[in-house]
N, C-alpha and C. Protein backbone atom coordinates (compact mmCIF):
# COMPACT_ATOMS: atom_id res chain seq x y z
N MET A 1 -6.04 -14.40 1.89
CA MET A 1 -6.37 -13.23 0.59
C MET A 1 -7.21 -13.73 -0.14
N ALA A 2 -8.45 -12.99 -0.71
CA ALA A 2 -9.05 -13.67 -1.64
C ALA A 2 -8.25 -13.75 -2.57
N SER A 3 -8.92 -14.59 -3.82
CA SER A 3 -8.09 -15.12 -5.05
C SER A 3 -8.98 -14.56 -5.88
N ASN A 4 -10.31 -14.11 -6.07
CA ASN A 4 -11.10 -13.72 -6.84
C ASN A 4 -10.57 -12.74 -8.01
N VAL A 5 -9.30 -12.01 -7.73
CA VAL A 5 -9.10 -10.71 -8.18
C VAL A 5 -8.64 -10.94 -9.65
N THR A 6 -8.71 -10.46 -10.95
CA THR A 6 -7.83 -10.70 -12.06
C THR A 6 -7.22 -9.78 -12.52
N PRO A 7 -5.66 -9.63 -12.27
CA PRO A 7 -5.10 -9.01 -12.62
C PRO A 7 -5.40 -8.42 -13.66
N LEU A 8 -4.54 -7.00 -13.76
CA LEU A 8 -4.65 -5.97 -14.54
C LEU A 8 -4.14 -6.70 -16.22
N ALA A 9 -3.24 -7.21 -15.94
CA ALA A 9 -1.77 -7.22 -17.15
C ALA A 9 -2.89 -8.53 -17.98
N ALA A 10 -3.64 -9.20 -16.90
CA ALA A 10 -4.63 -10.56 -17.79
C ALA A 10 -5.68 -10.18 -17.83
N ARG A 11 -6.03 -8.77 -17.30
CA ARG A 11 -7.49 -8.02 -18.35
C ARG A 11 -7.12 -7.63 -19.28
N ASP A 12 -5.88 -6.83 -19.74
CA ASP A 12 -5.77 -5.87 -20.73
C ASP A 12 -4.94 -6.79 -21.96
N GLY A 13 -4.61 -7.98 -21.39
CA GLY A 13 -3.50 -8.37 -22.41
C GLY A 13 -2.02 -8.30 -22.84
N GLY A 14 -2.13 -7.22 -21.44
CA GLY A 14 -0.59 -6.75 -21.52
C GLY A 14 0.64 -6.93 -20.58
N GLY A 15 1.18 -6.07 -20.50
CA GLY A 15 2.19 -6.01 -19.17
C GLY A 15 1.39 -4.98 -18.14
N THR A 16 2.61 -4.21 -18.07
CA THR A 16 2.40 -3.03 -16.87
C THR A 16 1.14 -1.94 -17.75
N ASP A 17 1.69 -2.09 -19.19
CA ASP A 17 1.03 -0.82 -19.76
C ASP A 17 -0.49 -0.37 -19.92
N GLY A 18 -1.20 -1.13 -18.96
CA GLY A 18 -2.76 -0.74 -18.85
C GLY A 18 -2.72 -0.11 -17.79
N LEU A 19 -1.57 0.73 -16.94
CA LEU A 19 -1.61 1.14 -15.70
C LEU A 19 -1.37 2.22 -15.42
N ALA A 20 -2.53 3.60 -15.57
CA ALA A 20 -1.57 4.86 -15.84
C ALA A 20 -1.91 5.12 -14.32
N LEU A 21 -0.50 5.68 -13.78
CA LEU A 21 -0.14 5.64 -12.47
C LEU A 21 -1.88 6.68 -11.68
N ASP A 22 -1.62 8.25 -13.04
CA ASP A 22 -2.03 9.23 -12.57
C ASP A 22 -4.13 8.51 -12.13
N ASP A 23 -4.62 8.03 -13.07
CA ASP A 23 -5.55 7.48 -13.30
C ASP A 23 -5.93 5.54 -11.98
N TYR A 24 -4.99 5.42 -11.46
CA TYR A 24 -4.95 4.15 -10.69
C TYR A 24 -5.57 4.30 -9.12
N LEU A 25 -6.92 4.21 -8.75
CA LEU A 25 -7.33 4.55 -7.69
C LEU A 25 -6.57 4.43 -6.36
N PRO A 26 -6.06 3.39 -6.41
CA PRO A 26 -5.15 3.12 -5.38
C PRO A 26 -4.34 4.25 -4.79
N PHE A 27 -3.57 4.72 -5.94
CA PHE A 27 -2.37 5.46 -5.75
C PHE A 27 -3.22 7.33 -5.24
N ARG A 28 -4.18 7.00 -6.46
CA ARG A 28 -5.12 8.65 -5.73
C ARG A 28 -5.35 8.45 -4.74
N LEU A 29 -5.64 7.48 -3.61
CA LEU A 29 -6.62 7.68 -2.36
C LEU A 29 -4.86 7.71 -1.49
N SER A 30 -4.11 7.06 -1.80
CA SER A 30 -2.85 7.45 -1.17
C SER A 30 -2.40 8.72 -1.01
N VAL A 31 -2.31 9.36 -2.34
CA VAL A 31 -1.50 10.99 -2.32
C VAL A 31 -2.73 11.72 -1.54
N ALA A 32 -3.94 11.30 -2.04
CA ALA A 32 -4.85 12.26 -1.17
C ALA A 32 -4.86 11.93 0.50
N SER A 33 -4.71 10.81 0.97
CA SER A 33 -4.71 11.00 2.42
C SER A 33 -2.82 11.40 2.85
N ASN A 34 -1.87 11.40 2.21
CA ASN A 34 -0.65 11.55 2.24
C ASN A 34 -1.03 13.32 2.66
N GLY A 35 -1.42 13.52 1.15
CA GLY A 35 -1.42 15.33 1.47
C GLY A 35 -2.18 15.85 2.61
N VAL A 36 -3.70 14.98 2.87
CA VAL A 36 -4.45 16.06 4.13
C VAL A 36 -3.71 15.59 5.23
N SER A 37 -2.89 14.47 5.47
CA SER A 37 -2.26 14.19 7.17
C SER A 37 -1.43 14.95 7.05
N ARG A 38 -0.27 15.43 5.83
CA ARG A 38 0.41 16.46 6.29
C ARG A 38 0.16 17.91 6.62
N LEU A 39 -0.97 17.76 5.92
CA LEU A 39 -1.40 19.34 6.16
C LEU A 39 -1.89 19.40 7.84
N ILE A 40 -2.38 18.33 7.98
CA ILE A 40 -3.20 18.40 9.93
C ILE A 40 -1.98 18.34 9.99
N ALA A 41 -0.87 17.55 9.93
CA ALA A 41 0.15 16.77 10.98
C ALA A 41 0.76 18.31 11.23
N ARG A 42 0.80 19.35 10.09
CA ARG A 42 2.03 20.33 10.74
C ARG A 42 1.17 21.15 11.95
N ALA A 43 0.06 21.05 11.94
CA ALA A 43 -0.79 22.10 12.73
C ALA A 43 -0.58 21.23 14.41
N TYR A 44 -0.89 19.84 14.49
CA TYR A 44 -1.12 19.33 15.57
C TYR A 44 -0.03 19.46 16.21
N GLU A 45 1.11 18.94 15.15
CA GLU A 45 2.70 19.08 15.81
C GLU A 45 3.12 20.28 16.36
N ASP A 46 2.95 21.09 15.43
CA ASP A 46 3.52 22.62 15.71
C ASP A 46 2.51 23.21 16.80
N ARG A 47 1.31 22.91 17.00
CA ARG A 47 0.30 24.00 18.00
C ARG A 47 0.38 23.21 19.29
N PHE A 48 -0.01 21.61 19.37
CA PHE A 48 0.13 20.94 20.00
C PHE A 48 1.18 19.89 20.76
N ALA A 49 2.15 19.45 19.74
CA ALA A 49 3.34 18.54 19.88
C ALA A 49 2.50 17.00 20.39
N LEU A 50 1.40 16.73 18.96
CA LEU A 50 1.16 15.88 18.90
C LEU A 50 1.06 15.14 17.57
N SER A 51 1.44 14.21 17.29
CA SER A 51 1.73 13.43 15.99
C SER A 51 0.37 12.60 15.39
N ILE A 52 0.34 12.43 13.97
CA ILE A 52 -1.20 12.21 13.61
C ILE A 52 -1.54 10.64 14.04
N PRO A 53 -0.57 9.93 14.54
CA PRO A 53 -1.40 8.69 15.45
C PRO A 53 -1.45 9.37 17.11
N GLN A 54 -0.78 9.88 17.36
CA GLN A 54 -1.54 10.19 18.72
C GLN A 54 -2.99 10.77 18.84
N TRP A 55 -3.07 11.84 17.64
CA TRP A 55 -4.41 12.38 17.78
C TRP A 55 -5.26 11.12 17.29
N ARG A 56 -5.22 10.29 16.50
CA ARG A 56 -5.89 9.46 15.95
C ARG A 56 -6.47 8.65 17.24
N LEU A 57 -5.20 8.48 18.15
CA LEU A 57 -5.99 7.69 19.38
C LEU A 57 -6.41 8.50 20.67
N MET A 58 -6.46 9.88 20.38
CA MET A 58 -7.33 10.66 21.21
C MET A 58 -8.46 10.57 20.60
N ALA A 59 -8.57 10.58 19.53
CA ALA A 59 -9.74 11.24 18.76
C ALA A 59 -11.06 9.73 19.33
N VAL A 60 -9.97 8.59 19.08
CA VAL A 60 -11.32 7.29 19.26
C VAL A 60 -11.29 7.48 20.87
N LEU A 61 -10.27 7.13 21.37
CA LEU A 61 -10.57 7.30 22.81
C LEU A 61 -11.80 8.31 23.64
N ALA A 62 -11.63 9.98 22.61
CA ALA A 62 -12.64 10.24 23.08
C ALA A 62 -14.48 10.13 23.09
N GLU A 63 -14.02 8.89 22.20
CA GLU A 63 -15.79 8.48 22.07
C GLU A 63 -16.16 7.22 22.80
N GLY A 64 -14.69 6.86 23.90
CA GLY A 64 -14.97 5.89 24.88
C GLY A 64 -14.37 5.15 25.33
N PRO A 65 -13.42 4.55 26.29
CA PRO A 65 -12.24 4.00 26.45
C PRO A 65 -11.91 2.41 25.37
N LEU A 66 -10.94 1.97 25.16
CA LEU A 66 -10.87 1.15 24.24
C LEU A 66 -9.63 0.42 24.70
N SER A 67 -9.15 -0.93 24.26
CA SER A 67 -7.78 -1.65 24.24
C SER A 67 -7.50 -1.85 23.35
N PRO A 68 -6.10 -1.36 23.39
CA PRO A 68 -4.98 -1.09 21.96
C PRO A 68 -5.80 -2.14 20.58
N GLN A 69 -5.96 -3.46 20.88
CA GLN A 69 -6.50 -4.37 19.85
C GLN A 69 -7.79 -3.62 19.11
N ALA A 70 -8.63 -3.20 20.17
CA ALA A 70 -9.54 -2.77 19.21
C ALA A 70 -9.58 -1.19 18.88
N ILE A 71 -8.81 -0.71 19.35
CA ILE A 71 -7.58 0.84 18.61
C ILE A 71 -7.47 0.04 17.14
N VAL A 72 -6.62 -0.90 16.84
CA VAL A 72 -6.05 -1.22 16.15
C VAL A 72 -7.42 -1.51 15.06
N ALA A 73 -7.95 -2.00 15.33
CA ALA A 73 -9.36 -2.43 14.30
C ALA A 73 -9.74 -1.21 13.74
N ARG A 74 -10.34 -0.26 14.83
CA ARG A 74 -10.91 0.87 14.48
C ARG A 74 -10.34 2.15 13.74
N THR A 75 -9.30 1.98 14.38
CA THR A 75 -8.39 3.15 13.39
C THR A 75 -7.60 2.76 11.90
N ALA A 76 -7.47 1.23 11.58
CA ALA A 76 -6.44 0.34 10.83
C ALA A 76 -4.75 0.95 10.94
N MET A 77 -4.67 1.51 12.33
CA MET A 77 -3.33 1.81 12.46
C MET A 77 -2.64 -0.01 12.78
N ASP A 78 -1.40 0.08 12.65
CA ASP A 78 -0.82 -1.21 13.16
C ASP A 78 -0.30 -0.95 14.64
N LYS A 79 -0.67 -2.46 15.02
CA LYS A 79 -0.20 -2.64 16.48
C LYS A 79 0.87 -1.84 16.81
N VAL A 80 1.94 -1.77 16.26
CA VAL A 80 3.54 -0.64 16.95
C VAL A 80 2.81 1.10 17.09
N THR A 81 2.50 1.08 15.71
CA THR A 81 2.02 2.30 15.53
C THR A 81 1.21 2.36 16.88
N VAL A 82 -0.02 1.94 17.11
CA VAL A 82 -0.83 2.16 18.19
C VAL A 82 -0.16 2.29 19.79
N SER A 83 0.92 1.06 20.00
CA SER A 83 1.56 1.25 21.13
C SER A 83 2.42 2.48 21.50
N ARG A 84 2.76 2.93 20.33
CA ARG A 84 3.86 3.83 20.01
C ARG A 84 3.06 5.15 20.67
N ALA A 85 2.28 5.41 20.05
CA ALA A 85 1.21 6.37 20.13
C ALA A 85 0.76 6.73 21.55
N ALA A 86 -0.02 5.56 21.98
CA ALA A 86 0.02 5.34 23.32
C ALA A 86 0.84 5.53 24.78
N GLN A 87 2.11 5.23 24.25
CA GLN A 87 3.16 5.41 25.25
C GLN A 87 3.40 6.72 25.28
N GLY A 88 3.39 7.52 24.40
CA GLY A 88 3.63 9.04 24.33
C GLY A 88 2.58 9.60 24.83
N LEU A 89 1.38 9.37 24.60
CA LEU A 89 0.19 10.04 25.27
C LEU A 89 0.45 9.73 27.26
N LEU A 90 0.69 8.61 27.25
CA LEU A 90 0.84 8.09 28.84
C LEU A 90 1.78 9.35 29.34
N THR A 91 3.10 9.43 28.96
CA THR A 91 4.12 10.27 29.31
C THR A 91 3.53 11.25 29.20
N ARG A 92 2.56 11.89 28.45
CA ARG A 92 2.23 13.17 28.71
C ARG A 92 1.05 13.41 29.34
N HIS A 93 0.57 12.27 30.05
CA HIS A 93 -0.45 12.30 31.22
C HIS A 93 -2.26 12.22 30.48
N LEU A 94 -2.06 12.25 28.85
CA LEU A 94 -3.41 12.43 28.22
C LEU A 94 -4.26 11.19 28.01
N VAL A 95 -3.73 10.19 28.75
CA VAL A 95 -3.84 8.79 28.39
C VAL A 95 -3.88 7.66 30.00
N ALA A 96 -4.52 7.22 30.54
CA ALA A 96 -4.72 6.63 31.26
C ALA A 96 -4.85 4.75 31.04
N ARG A 97 -3.86 4.05 31.67
CA ARG A 97 -3.96 2.79 31.21
C ARG A 97 -4.38 1.92 32.88
N THR A 98 -5.23 1.32 32.01
CA THR A 98 -5.67 0.62 33.29
C THR A 98 -6.26 -0.86 32.94
N ASP A 99 -6.03 -2.07 33.74
CA ASP A 99 -5.97 -3.55 33.44
C ASP A 99 -7.36 -3.99 33.27
N SER A 100 -7.79 -4.57 32.17
CA SER A 100 -8.90 -5.12 31.40
C SER A 100 -9.56 -5.86 32.15
N PRO A 101 -10.81 -5.44 32.50
CA PRO A 101 -11.34 -6.61 33.29
C PRO A 101 -11.86 -7.79 32.88
N SER A 102 -11.65 -7.80 31.64
CA SER A 102 -12.36 -9.28 30.90
C SER A 102 -11.10 -9.95 30.42
N ASP A 103 -9.96 -9.68 30.53
CA ASP A 103 -8.73 -10.20 29.86
C ASP A 103 -7.72 -9.59 30.80
N GLY A 104 -7.63 -10.97 31.29
CA GLY A 104 -6.06 -10.05 31.84
C GLY A 104 -4.48 -9.95 31.53
N ARG A 105 -4.65 -10.25 29.99
CA ARG A 105 -3.40 -10.39 29.47
C ARG A 105 -3.28 -8.70 28.70
N SER A 106 -4.76 -7.69 28.47
CA SER A 106 -4.74 -7.20 28.44
C SER A 106 -5.18 -5.69 29.59
N HIS A 107 -5.38 -4.49 28.04
CA HIS A 107 -5.71 -2.96 29.07
C HIS A 107 -6.22 -2.32 28.51
N ILE A 108 -7.12 -0.97 29.36
CA ILE A 108 -7.78 -0.36 28.41
C ILE A 108 -7.46 0.91 28.47
N LEU A 109 -7.34 1.77 27.39
CA LEU A 109 -6.75 3.01 27.55
C LEU A 109 -7.92 4.27 27.48
N THR A 110 -7.85 5.47 28.56
CA THR A 110 -8.90 6.01 28.38
C THR A 110 -8.48 7.23 28.59
N LEU A 111 -8.88 8.71 27.92
CA LEU A 111 -8.63 9.99 27.95
C LEU A 111 -8.64 10.48 29.44
N THR A 112 -7.43 10.95 30.02
CA THR A 112 -7.79 11.83 31.43
C THR A 112 -8.39 12.91 31.51
N GLU A 113 -8.45 13.34 32.26
CA GLU A 113 -9.49 15.21 32.23
C GLU A 113 -8.51 15.78 31.25
N THR A 114 -7.29 16.02 31.49
CA THR A 114 -6.26 16.50 30.33
C THR A 114 -5.85 16.33 29.42
N GLY A 115 -6.19 15.34 28.87
CA GLY A 115 -6.56 14.46 27.25
C GLY A 115 -8.01 14.92 26.94
N ARG A 116 -8.95 14.75 27.53
CA ARG A 116 -10.18 15.64 27.23
C ARG A 116 -10.77 16.99 26.82
N ARG A 117 -9.53 17.58 27.81
CA ARG A 117 -9.45 19.13 27.60
C ARG A 117 -8.45 19.46 26.10
N LEU A 118 -7.66 18.70 26.00
CA LEU A 118 -6.85 18.67 24.91
C LEU A 118 -7.62 18.49 23.39
N HIS A 119 -8.21 17.46 23.85
CA HIS A 119 -8.82 16.96 22.64
C HIS A 119 -10.35 17.85 22.34
N ALA A 120 -10.93 18.76 23.26
CA ALA A 120 -12.27 19.90 23.00
C ALA A 120 -11.20 21.29 22.31
N GLU A 121 -10.42 21.03 22.83
CA GLU A 121 -9.02 21.87 22.03
C GLU A 121 -9.38 21.65 20.62
N ILE A 122 -8.64 20.71 20.45
CA ILE A 122 -8.24 20.23 18.60
C ILE A 122 -9.51 20.24 18.11
N ALA A 123 -10.67 19.63 18.63
CA ALA A 123 -12.16 18.78 17.81
C ALA A 123 -12.19 19.48 16.62
N PRO A 124 -12.57 21.50 17.34
CA PRO A 124 -13.02 22.66 16.55
C PRO A 124 -12.29 22.45 15.27
N LEU A 125 -10.78 22.43 15.57
CA LEU A 125 -9.62 22.95 14.78
C LEU A 125 -9.84 21.70 13.19
N ALA A 126 -9.99 20.52 14.26
CA ALA A 126 -10.18 19.09 13.00
C ALA A 126 -11.51 19.81 12.01
N LEU A 127 -12.08 19.61 12.75
CA LEU A 127 -13.61 20.41 11.91
C LEU A 127 -13.31 21.22 10.67
N ALA A 128 -12.48 22.39 11.48
CA ALA A 128 -12.58 23.40 10.57
C ALA A 128 -11.42 22.85 9.44
N TYR A 129 -10.31 22.39 9.73
CA TYR A 129 -9.38 21.52 8.29
C TYR A 129 -10.70 20.72 7.25
N GLU A 130 -11.24 19.97 8.33
CA GLU A 130 -12.22 18.76 7.26
C GLU A 130 -13.50 20.48 6.55
N ALA A 131 -13.78 21.05 6.82
CA ALA A 131 -14.87 22.04 6.16
C ALA A 131 -13.84 22.71 5.18
N ALA A 132 -12.57 23.07 5.48
CA ALA A 132 -12.10 24.01 4.44
C ALA A 132 -11.92 22.90 3.15
N LEU A 133 -11.38 21.32 3.52
CA LEU A 133 -10.89 20.69 2.49
C LEU A 133 -12.34 20.35 1.55
N LEU A 134 -13.29 20.35 2.26
CA LEU A 134 -14.36 20.21 1.50
C LEU A 134 -15.68 21.01 0.87
N ALA A 135 -15.00 22.32 1.10
CA ALA A 135 -15.37 23.43 0.74
C ALA A 135 -15.90 23.74 -0.52
N GLY A 136 -15.05 23.13 -1.51
CA GLY A 136 -15.49 23.15 -2.83
C GLY A 136 -16.42 22.14 -3.27
N LEU A 137 -16.79 20.83 -2.37
CA LEU A 137 -17.86 20.06 -3.09
C LEU A 137 -19.30 20.54 -2.33
N ALA A 138 -19.97 20.23 -2.94
CA ALA A 138 -21.57 20.22 -2.82
C ALA A 138 -21.92 19.53 -1.61
N PRO A 139 -23.05 19.57 -0.85
CA PRO A 139 -23.27 19.11 0.68
C PRO A 139 -23.54 17.35 0.02
N ALA A 140 -23.95 17.49 -1.09
CA ALA A 140 -24.65 16.24 -1.61
C ALA A 140 -23.55 15.64 -2.17
N GLU A 141 -22.34 16.29 -2.31
CA GLU A 141 -20.91 15.57 -3.18
C GLU A 141 -20.07 14.82 -2.01
N VAL A 142 -20.82 15.34 -0.62
CA VAL A 142 -20.04 15.38 0.77
C VAL A 142 -20.41 13.51 1.14
N ALA A 143 -21.79 14.00 0.97
CA ALA A 143 -22.16 12.53 1.06
C ALA A 143 -22.06 11.61 0.56
N GLN A 144 -22.03 12.03 -0.60
CA GLN A 144 -21.80 10.77 -1.65
C GLN A 144 -20.39 10.57 -1.32
N LEU A 145 -19.26 11.59 -1.37
CA LEU A 145 -18.03 10.89 -1.51
C LEU A 145 -17.83 9.83 0.48
N LYS A 146 -18.24 10.27 1.33
CA LYS A 146 -18.26 9.43 2.48
C LYS A 146 -18.48 8.20 2.18
N ARG A 147 -20.03 8.14 1.37
CA ARG A 147 -20.66 6.78 1.45
C ARG A 147 -19.81 5.98 0.67
N LEU A 148 -19.46 6.54 -0.74
CA LEU A 148 -18.34 5.82 -1.23
C LEU A 148 -17.45 5.27 -0.79
N LEU A 149 -16.60 6.27 0.05
CA LEU A 149 -15.09 5.34 0.83
C LEU A 149 -15.68 4.72 1.82
N GLN A 150 -16.57 4.70 2.23
CA GLN A 150 -17.19 3.57 2.84
C GLN A 150 -17.32 2.25 2.35
N ARG A 151 -17.97 2.24 1.29
CA ARG A 151 -18.01 0.97 0.03
C ARG A 151 -16.70 0.84 -0.59
N LEU A 152 -15.85 1.55 -0.43
CA LEU A 152 -14.39 0.79 -0.65
C LEU A 152 -13.51 0.28 0.37
N GLU A 153 -14.00 0.76 1.71
CA GLU A 153 -13.19 0.54 3.07
C GLU A 153 -13.75 -1.03 2.97
N ALA A 154 -15.11 -1.53 2.67
CA ALA A 154 -15.77 -2.60 2.97
C ALA A 154 -14.89 -3.54 1.67
N ALA A 155 -15.19 -2.91 0.77
CA ALA A 155 -14.31 -4.05 -0.50
C ALA A 155 -13.20 -4.20 -0.28
N ALA A 156 -12.16 -3.61 0.33
CA ALA A 156 -11.26 -3.80 0.33
C ALA A 156 -11.19 -4.55 1.40
N ALA A 157 -11.64 -4.60 2.71
CA ALA A 157 -11.94 -5.51 3.88
C ALA A 157 -12.27 -6.75 3.38
N ARG A 158 -13.10 -6.85 2.12
CA ARG A 158 -13.74 -8.47 2.24
C ARG A 158 -12.92 -8.96 1.09
N LEU A 159 -11.77 -8.25 0.55
CA LEU A 159 -10.44 -8.65 -0.61
C LEU A 159 -9.62 -9.03 0.18
N SER A 160 -9.44 -8.64 0.95
CA SER A 160 -8.51 -9.03 2.22
C SER A 160 -8.06 -10.16 3.25
N GLY A 161 -10.19 -10.92 3.18
CA GLY A 161 -10.45 -11.72 4.10
C GLY A 161 -10.82 -11.17 5.41
N GLU A 162 -10.46 -9.75 5.72
CA GLU A 162 -10.85 -9.46 6.81
C GLU A 162 -12.37 -8.73 6.87
N GLY A 163 -13.35 -9.13 6.24
CA GLY A 163 -14.76 -8.36 6.15
C GLY A 163 -15.67 -9.83 6.44
N GLY A 164 -16.84 -9.52 6.22
CA GLY A 164 -17.55 -10.50 6.39
C GLY A 164 -18.96 -11.18 5.22
């Protein structure tokens, strides 16, 4: 972990008095993410019997086959979550697993035809939820929000030692 971060208490000369939780960006991001995930999870669970990790796995695999390790890197989900999601999708025949041609210890996950059909049914719903969430923002604000989120992700990766 990078050690060039100065704790808030050291900067403001006090204890935790300088931390207003409602103004603390990591808290705001977490609350927003959890709220959006809960909203969408209800729709996916009720209508399609999918958990959020299962939907994320399907969405990533719709872009092409991947190893579980690549899915972890792409989605920022932990290995156990990816494994459980994959197992549930394998059981429902939405995903297929084949041996990795480049690594005998790994495997590749691919959407099955049934998985592709389900993804095609869910994708418009996902896009509709996104549109509803962003309806109060101008297109330029949406573009700026996405750019800022990418920059925050990159900064977090750098600070954690994961980025380049």
